[in-house]
Amino acid sequence: MVKVSLRTVLWMSPPQDIITQDNVSLKVNLSSTSRVMQARKTVVSVENYLFATSQLSQTTLRSVLGQSELDDLLSQRDKINQKLQQIIDSHTEPGV
C-alpha cells in the first residue's frame, strides 16, 4: 500500500542557471503547484511522481527561457508563464 496525498502541493525549485537567446546569464527560481488527480495511476506509472514533476518543470523552465531574449522575459512574463504551464500540463495531465 502506498499513501498518496491528494492535496495541492507548493514547491520551489533551486535556482536555475539560464542563458537567454541573446547570451545573458540569469539565475531564476520556479515556484509551482501540483495535485494528484488519479492516485492509482500516479503510483503505478511513475516511480517518484514529485521528483519527476520537479525535474520536468525545471527542464521546461530552462528550455523555454533559453529560447527567449532578456527583454522578452521582462516584458512578457504572463505569456511565458502560460507557455510553461501548457507544456508541463501536457506531460502531466491524466491520460498522458
N, C-alpha and C. Protein backbone atom coordinates (compact mmCIF):
# COMPACT_ATOMS: atom_id res chain seq x y z
N MET A 1 0.85 -1.17 0.00
CA MET A 1 0.00 0.00 0.00
C MET A 1 0.90 1.24 0.00
N VAL A 2 0.52 2.21 -0.80
CA VAL A 2 1.25 3.47 -0.89
C VAL A 2 0.31 4.60 -0.54
N LYS A 3 0.75 5.46 0.35
CA LYS A 3 -0.05 6.61 0.75
C LYS A 3 0.26 7.78 -0.19
N VAL A 4 -0.79 8.37 -0.78
CA VAL A 4 -0.63 9.49 -1.72
C VAL A 4 -1.52 10.63 -1.25
N SER A 5 -0.93 11.78 -1.05
CA SER A 5 -1.70 12.96 -0.66
C SER A 5 -2.41 13.53 -1.88
N LEU A 6 -3.67 13.84 -1.73
CA LEU A 6 -4.44 14.44 -2.82
C LEU A 6 -4.55 15.96 -2.67
N ARG A 7 -3.81 16.50 -1.71
CA ARG A 7 -3.81 17.95 -1.51
C ARG A 7 -2.91 18.63 -2.54
N THR A 8 -3.13 19.89 -2.77
CA THR A 8 -2.25 20.67 -3.63
C THR A 8 -0.94 20.91 -2.91
N VAL A 9 0.15 20.68 -3.64
CA VAL A 9 1.50 20.82 -3.08
C VAL A 9 2.18 22.01 -3.75
N LEU A 10 2.76 22.88 -2.96
CA LEU A 10 3.54 24.01 -3.47
C LEU A 10 5.00 23.71 -3.21
N TRP A 11 5.84 23.90 -4.20
CA TRP A 11 7.27 23.69 -4.01
C TRP A 11 8.06 24.71 -4.82
N MET A 12 9.27 24.96 -4.35
CA MET A 12 10.19 25.89 -5.01
C MET A 12 11.37 25.10 -5.54
N SER A 13 11.78 25.41 -6.74
CA SER A 13 12.96 24.75 -7.29
C SER A 13 14.20 25.49 -6.81
N PRO A 14 15.33 24.82 -6.80
CA PRO A 14 16.57 25.54 -6.54
C PRO A 14 16.83 26.51 -7.69
N PRO A 15 17.66 27.54 -7.47
CA PRO A 15 17.95 28.49 -8.56
C PRO A 15 18.49 27.77 -9.79
N GLN A 16 17.97 28.14 -10.94
CA GLN A 16 18.38 27.55 -12.22
C GLN A 16 19.22 28.55 -13.00
N ASP A 17 20.35 28.10 -13.52
CA ASP A 17 21.20 28.93 -14.37
C ASP A 17 20.65 28.87 -15.79
N ILE A 18 20.36 30.04 -16.34
CA ILE A 18 19.78 30.15 -17.67
C ILE A 18 20.67 31.04 -18.52
N ILE A 19 20.83 30.69 -19.78
CA ILE A 19 21.47 31.59 -20.75
C ILE A 19 20.42 31.89 -21.80
N THR A 20 20.04 33.16 -21.90
CA THR A 20 18.99 33.55 -22.84
C THR A 20 19.51 33.51 -24.27
N GLN A 21 18.61 33.70 -25.21
CA GLN A 21 18.96 33.66 -26.62
C GLN A 21 19.97 34.77 -26.97
N ASP A 22 19.91 35.88 -26.24
CA ASP A 22 20.86 36.97 -26.50
C ASP A 22 22.08 36.89 -25.57
N ASN A 23 22.39 35.68 -25.07
CA ASN A 23 23.58 35.37 -24.28
C ASN A 23 23.69 36.13 -22.96
N VAL A 24 22.58 36.32 -22.29
CA VAL A 24 22.57 36.90 -20.96
C VAL A 24 22.41 35.76 -19.96
N SER A 25 23.30 35.73 -18.97
CA SER A 25 23.25 34.68 -17.96
C SER A 25 22.36 35.12 -16.80
N LEU A 26 21.44 34.26 -16.39
CA LEU A 26 20.49 34.58 -15.32
C LEU A 26 20.39 33.42 -14.34
N LYS A 27 19.94 33.74 -13.14
CA LYS A 27 19.51 32.73 -12.18
C LYS A 27 18.04 32.98 -11.91
N VAL A 28 17.23 31.96 -12.09
CA VAL A 28 15.80 32.09 -11.86
C VAL A 28 15.32 30.97 -10.95
N ASN A 29 14.26 31.26 -10.20
CA ASN A 29 13.61 30.27 -9.36
C ASN A 29 12.26 29.95 -9.97
N LEU A 30 11.78 28.78 -9.67
CA LEU A 30 10.48 28.35 -10.15
C LEU A 30 9.64 27.95 -8.95
N SER A 31 8.48 28.54 -8.83
CA SER A 31 7.53 28.06 -7.83
C SER A 31 6.40 27.40 -8.60
N SER A 32 5.96 26.27 -8.10
CA SER A 32 4.96 25.51 -8.82
C SER A 32 4.03 24.81 -7.84
N THR A 33 2.84 24.54 -8.31
CA THR A 33 1.90 23.74 -7.53
C THR A 33 1.53 22.52 -8.33
N SER A 34 1.24 21.45 -7.62
CA SER A 34 0.76 20.24 -8.29
C SER A 34 -0.23 19.53 -7.39
N ARG A 35 -1.06 18.72 -8.01
CA ARG A 35 -2.06 17.97 -7.27
C ARG A 35 -2.29 16.65 -7.99
N VAL A 36 -2.32 15.58 -7.25
CA VAL A 36 -2.58 14.26 -7.81
C VAL A 36 -4.08 14.13 -8.10
N MET A 37 -4.39 13.75 -9.33
CA MET A 37 -5.79 13.59 -9.72
C MET A 37 -6.19 12.11 -9.73
N GLN A 38 -5.27 11.24 -10.09
CA GLN A 38 -5.54 9.81 -10.15
C GLN A 38 -4.45 9.08 -9.37
N ALA A 39 -4.70 8.84 -8.10
CA ALA A 39 -3.68 8.29 -7.21
C ALA A 39 -3.15 6.94 -7.71
N ARG A 40 -4.02 6.05 -8.10
CA ARG A 40 -3.58 4.72 -8.55
C ARG A 40 -2.66 4.82 -9.76
N LYS A 41 -3.05 5.61 -10.74
CA LYS A 41 -2.23 5.76 -11.94
C LYS A 41 -0.91 6.44 -11.61
N THR A 42 -0.93 7.39 -10.70
CA THR A 42 0.29 8.09 -10.29
C THR A 42 1.30 7.12 -9.72
N VAL A 43 0.86 6.25 -8.84
CA VAL A 43 1.76 5.31 -8.18
C VAL A 43 2.25 4.23 -9.15
N VAL A 44 1.38 3.77 -10.03
CA VAL A 44 1.73 2.69 -10.94
C VAL A 44 2.61 3.19 -12.10
N SER A 45 2.34 4.38 -12.60
CA SER A 45 3.02 4.88 -13.80
C SER A 45 4.37 5.53 -13.54
N VAL A 46 4.55 6.13 -12.37
CA VAL A 46 5.76 6.91 -12.11
C VAL A 46 6.35 6.48 -10.77
N GLU A 47 7.67 6.23 -10.76
CA GLU A 47 8.30 5.76 -9.53
C GLU A 47 8.24 6.82 -8.43
N ASN A 48 8.61 8.04 -8.75
CA ASN A 48 8.59 9.13 -7.76
C ASN A 48 7.96 10.34 -8.45
N TYR A 49 6.66 10.46 -8.35
CA TYR A 49 5.94 11.48 -9.12
C TYR A 49 6.31 12.90 -8.73
N LEU A 50 6.61 13.16 -7.46
CA LEU A 50 7.00 14.52 -7.06
C LEU A 50 8.35 14.90 -7.67
N PHE A 51 9.30 13.98 -7.62
CA PHE A 51 10.62 14.23 -8.22
C PHE A 51 10.49 14.39 -9.74
N ALA A 52 9.72 13.52 -10.36
CA ALA A 52 9.54 13.58 -11.82
C ALA A 52 8.92 14.91 -12.24
N THR A 53 7.91 15.35 -11.52
CA THR A 53 7.26 16.63 -11.84
C THR A 53 8.23 17.79 -11.64
N SER A 54 9.01 17.74 -10.57
CA SER A 54 10.00 18.78 -10.30
C SER A 54 11.04 18.86 -11.42
N GLN A 55 11.57 17.71 -11.83
CA GLN A 55 12.58 17.69 -12.89
C GLN A 55 12.01 18.17 -14.22
N LEU A 56 10.80 17.73 -14.54
CA LEU A 56 10.14 18.18 -15.77
C LEU A 56 9.96 19.69 -15.77
N SER A 57 9.53 20.23 -14.65
CA SER A 57 9.30 21.67 -14.54
C SER A 57 10.60 22.46 -14.70
N GLN A 58 11.66 22.00 -14.06
CA GLN A 58 12.94 22.70 -14.14
C GLN A 58 13.52 22.64 -15.55
N THR A 59 13.43 21.48 -16.18
CA THR A 59 13.93 21.33 -17.55
C THR A 59 13.14 22.20 -18.52
N THR A 60 11.83 22.23 -18.35
CA THR A 60 10.98 23.05 -19.21
C THR A 60 11.29 24.53 -19.01
N LEU A 61 11.49 24.94 -17.77
CA LEU A 61 11.84 26.33 -17.48
C LEU A 61 13.12 26.73 -18.21
N ARG A 62 14.16 25.91 -18.08
CA ARG A 62 15.43 26.23 -18.74
C ARG A 62 15.28 26.28 -20.25
N SER A 63 14.51 25.37 -20.81
CA SER A 63 14.32 25.31 -22.25
C SER A 63 13.56 26.53 -22.77
N VAL A 64 12.44 26.86 -22.15
CA VAL A 64 11.62 27.98 -22.61
C VAL A 64 12.35 29.31 -22.44
N LEU A 65 12.98 29.52 -21.29
CA LEU A 65 13.68 30.78 -21.07
C LEU A 65 14.93 30.90 -21.95
N GLY A 66 15.56 29.78 -22.25
CA GLY A 66 16.73 29.79 -23.13
C GLY A 66 16.40 30.16 -24.56
N GLN A 67 15.13 30.06 -24.94
CA GLN A 67 14.69 30.43 -26.28
C GLN A 67 14.21 31.87 -26.36
N SER A 68 14.29 32.58 -25.24
CA SER A 68 13.79 33.96 -25.18
C SER A 68 14.94 34.93 -24.98
N GLU A 69 14.70 36.18 -25.34
CA GLU A 69 15.67 37.23 -25.06
C GLU A 69 15.31 37.89 -23.74
N LEU A 70 16.28 38.54 -23.11
CA LEU A 70 16.07 39.14 -21.80
C LEU A 70 14.90 40.12 -21.81
N ASP A 71 14.82 40.94 -22.82
CA ASP A 71 13.73 41.92 -22.90
C ASP A 71 12.36 41.22 -22.91
N ASP A 72 12.27 40.10 -23.63
CA ASP A 72 11.01 39.34 -23.66
C ASP A 72 10.69 38.76 -22.29
N LEU A 73 11.70 38.28 -21.59
CA LEU A 73 11.48 37.72 -20.26
C LEU A 73 10.91 38.76 -19.31
N LEU A 74 11.38 39.97 -19.43
CA LEU A 74 10.94 41.04 -18.54
C LEU A 74 9.58 41.61 -18.93
N SER A 75 9.29 41.65 -20.21
CA SER A 75 8.06 42.30 -20.66
C SER A 75 6.90 41.34 -20.93
N GLN A 76 7.18 40.04 -21.08
CA GLN A 76 6.12 39.11 -21.44
C GLN A 76 6.03 37.95 -20.44
N ARG A 77 6.08 38.27 -19.17
CA ARG A 77 6.06 37.22 -18.14
C ARG A 77 4.79 36.38 -18.20
N ASP A 78 3.65 37.00 -18.40
CA ASP A 78 2.39 36.24 -18.44
C ASP A 78 2.38 35.25 -19.60
N LYS A 79 2.83 35.70 -20.75
CA LYS A 79 2.87 34.83 -21.93
C LYS A 79 3.83 33.66 -21.70
N ILE A 80 4.97 33.92 -21.11
CA ILE A 80 5.94 32.85 -20.83
C ILE A 80 5.39 31.89 -19.78
N ASN A 81 4.73 32.43 -18.75
CA ASN A 81 4.13 31.56 -17.73
C ASN A 81 3.07 30.64 -18.33
N GLN A 82 2.26 31.17 -19.25
CA GLN A 82 1.24 30.35 -19.90
C GLN A 82 1.87 29.25 -20.74
N LYS A 83 2.96 29.59 -21.43
CA LYS A 83 3.65 28.60 -22.25
C LYS A 83 4.23 27.49 -21.36
N LEU A 84 4.85 27.88 -20.25
CA LEU A 84 5.39 26.89 -19.31
C LEU A 84 4.28 25.98 -18.79
N GLN A 85 3.17 26.58 -18.37
CA GLN A 85 2.06 25.80 -17.83
C GLN A 85 1.50 24.84 -18.88
N GLN A 86 1.36 25.30 -20.10
CA GLN A 86 0.83 24.46 -21.17
C GLN A 86 1.73 23.26 -21.41
N ILE A 87 3.03 23.46 -21.47
CA ILE A 87 3.97 22.35 -21.72
C ILE A 87 3.95 21.36 -20.57
N ILE A 88 4.03 21.87 -19.34
CA ILE A 88 4.06 20.99 -18.17
C ILE A 88 2.74 20.23 -18.05
N ASP A 89 1.62 20.92 -18.24
CA ASP A 89 0.32 20.26 -18.16
C ASP A 89 0.17 19.17 -19.22
N SER A 90 0.70 19.40 -20.40
CA SER A 90 0.57 18.40 -21.47
C SER A 90 1.31 17.11 -21.12
N HIS A 91 2.32 17.19 -20.27
CA HIS A 91 3.08 16.00 -19.87
C HIS A 91 2.58 15.37 -18.58
N THR A 92 1.74 16.08 -17.83
CA THR A 92 1.33 15.57 -16.52
C THR A 92 -0.17 15.37 -16.37
N GLU A 93 -0.94 15.73 -17.37
CA GLU A 93 -2.39 15.58 -17.28
C GLU A 93 -2.78 14.11 -17.25
N PRO A 94 -3.90 13.79 -16.62
CA PRO A 94 -4.39 12.41 -16.64
C PRO A 94 -4.58 11.94 -18.08
N GLY A 95 -4.23 10.70 -18.31
CA GLY A 95 -4.38 10.13 -19.64
C GLY A 95 -3.11 10.20 -20.46
N VAL A 96 -2.09 10.90 -19.98
CA VAL A 96 -0.83 11.03 -20.72
C VAL A 96 0.06 9.88 -20.38
